[in-house]
Amino acid sequence: MLGIPRRYSHFVFGVIQSGLTSLIATGIASFPASSALLFVQHWMVSWLIAWATMLPIVLLVAPAIRSFSLRLTREEGRA
C-alpha cells in the first residue's frame, strides 16, 4: 500500500469517490456515441472535466453530509 497517514483518509476517500462517481456518470452520458472510438474519447474528456469539478466539492461538502447523516440516524440498540 501507499502508506498514506490515516489523518488524510478523508482526502483519499474524496479522490476515490469523486473519481468513481464521475467515471460512471460520464460513461452513461456518453453512451449514445455513434462509434466505440468516439464514445471512449468523449467519455475520457467528460470524465476529466467532471472529476476536476467534483473533487473539490466532495472534499468540502463530505464532512457536512456526514454530520447531517449522523443527525438523521441513530445507533442500533438505542431508542
Protein backbone atom coordinates (compact mmCIF):
# COMPACT_ATOMS: atom_id res chain seq x y z
CA MET A 1 0.00 0.00 0.00
CA LEU A 2 0.99 3.63 -0.32
CA GLY A 3 1.33 4.20 3.40
CA ILE A 4 -0.61 7.48 3.41
CA PRO A 5 -1.17 8.62 7.02
CA ARG A 6 -4.69 7.89 8.30
CA ARG A 7 -5.31 11.59 9.01
CA TYR A 8 -5.55 12.08 5.23
CA SER A 9 -8.17 9.35 4.77
CA HIS A 10 -10.86 11.99 4.12
CA PHE A 11 -8.93 13.20 1.08
CA VAL A 12 -8.22 9.68 -0.17
CA PHE A 13 -11.91 8.83 0.18
CA GLY A 14 -12.87 12.02 -1.70
CA VAL A 15 -10.50 11.30 -4.57
CA ILE A 16 -11.75 7.72 -4.96
CA GLN A 17 -15.43 8.57 -4.50
CA SER A 18 -15.48 11.53 -6.87
CA GLY A 19 -13.42 9.69 -9.47
CA LEU A 20 -15.61 6.60 -9.48
CA THR A 21 -18.89 8.52 -9.42
CA SER A 22 -17.89 10.86 -12.24
CA LEU A 23 -16.48 7.92 -14.27
CA ILE A 24 -19.80 6.08 -14.11
CA ALA A 25 -21.97 9.16 -14.71
CA THR A 26 -19.98 10.35 -17.72
CA GLY A 27 -19.93 6.83 -19.15
CA ILE A 28 -23.71 6.73 -19.01
CA ALA A 29 -23.96 10.22 -20.52
CA SER A 30 -21.51 9.32 -23.32
CA PHE A 31 -23.17 6.02 -24.22
CA PRO A 32 -25.22 7.36 -27.17
CA ALA A 33 -21.99 7.99 -29.15
CA SER A 34 -22.07 6.71 -32.73
CA SER A 35 -18.83 4.67 -32.56
CA ALA A 36 -16.68 2.99 -29.93
CA LEU A 37 -13.77 5.37 -30.55
CA LEU A 38 -15.98 8.45 -30.27
CA PHE A 39 -17.52 7.00 -27.11
CA VAL A 40 -14.13 6.48 -25.43
CA GLN A 41 -12.84 9.91 -26.47
CA HIS A 42 -15.97 11.69 -25.27
CA TRP A 43 -16.07 9.65 -22.07
CA MET A 44 -12.47 10.39 -21.07
CA VAL A 45 -12.67 14.13 -21.77
CA SER A 46 -16.02 14.37 -19.98
CA TRP A 47 -14.69 12.34 -17.06
CA LEU A 48 -11.63 14.53 -16.57
CA ILE A 49 -13.78 17.67 -16.58
CA ALA A 50 -16.36 16.13 -14.23
CA TRP A 51 -13.70 14.82 -11.83
CA ALA A 52 -11.88 18.14 -11.72
CA THR A 53 -15.20 19.79 -10.90
CA MET A 54 -16.43 17.25 -8.35
CA LEU A 55 -13.24 16.63 -6.39
CA PRO A 56 -13.15 19.96 -4.53
CA ILE A 57 -16.91 19.83 -3.99
CA VAL A 58 -16.72 16.35 -2.46
CA LEU A 59 -13.78 17.28 -0.26
CA LEU A 60 -15.52 20.39 1.05
CA VAL A 61 -19.06 19.04 1.40
CA ALA A 62 -18.45 15.46 2.59
CA PRO A 63 -17.92 16.42 6.27
CA ALA A 64 -21.22 18.34 6.31
CA ILE A 65 -23.06 15.45 4.67
CA ARG A 66 -21.57 13.01 7.18
CA SER A 67 -22.61 15.22 10.08
CA PHE A 68 -26.13 15.60 8.66
CA SER A 69 -26.48 11.85 8.08
CA LEU A 70 -25.39 11.17 11.67
CA ARG A 71 -28.13 13.55 12.89
CA LEU A 72 -30.72 11.72 10.78
CA THR A 73 -29.77 8.27 12.09
CA ARG A 74 -29.29 6.65 15.47
CA GLU A 75 -27.10 3.93 16.89
CA GLU A 76 -28.63 0.48 16.83
CA GLY A 77 -29.92 -0.56 20.21
CA ARG A 78 -30.88 3.00 21.19
CA ALA A 79 -34.49 4.11 21.35
